[in-house]
Amino acid sequence: MTTETTNDRPTHRIYAVTKNGKKRFWQPIGALWAHADGKGFNEKRDYQPLNGAEIVIREIRDEPETDGNGGAQ
């Protein structure tokens, strides 16, 4: 099965978010590419966390957002 993407650059980044007390650590683990028809995504993960991390998908922006703890948000 092949799907056409809008371009070669991913549209969203995938993060594994873990907590240590009040701090959250955002580790980038992959990316998503939106389908040209806007009805789905292709996903590529570099690894799958096994420590119970929350998986968060965020739209990629020009300026990286931070959560105040050095991680992306």
Foldseek 3Di string as FASTA:
>chain_A
DDFAFPDDDFFKWKWFWDDDPPDIATDTFWGWTATPVRPDIDIDGNDDDDPPTDIDIGTDDPDFDDPVRPHGD
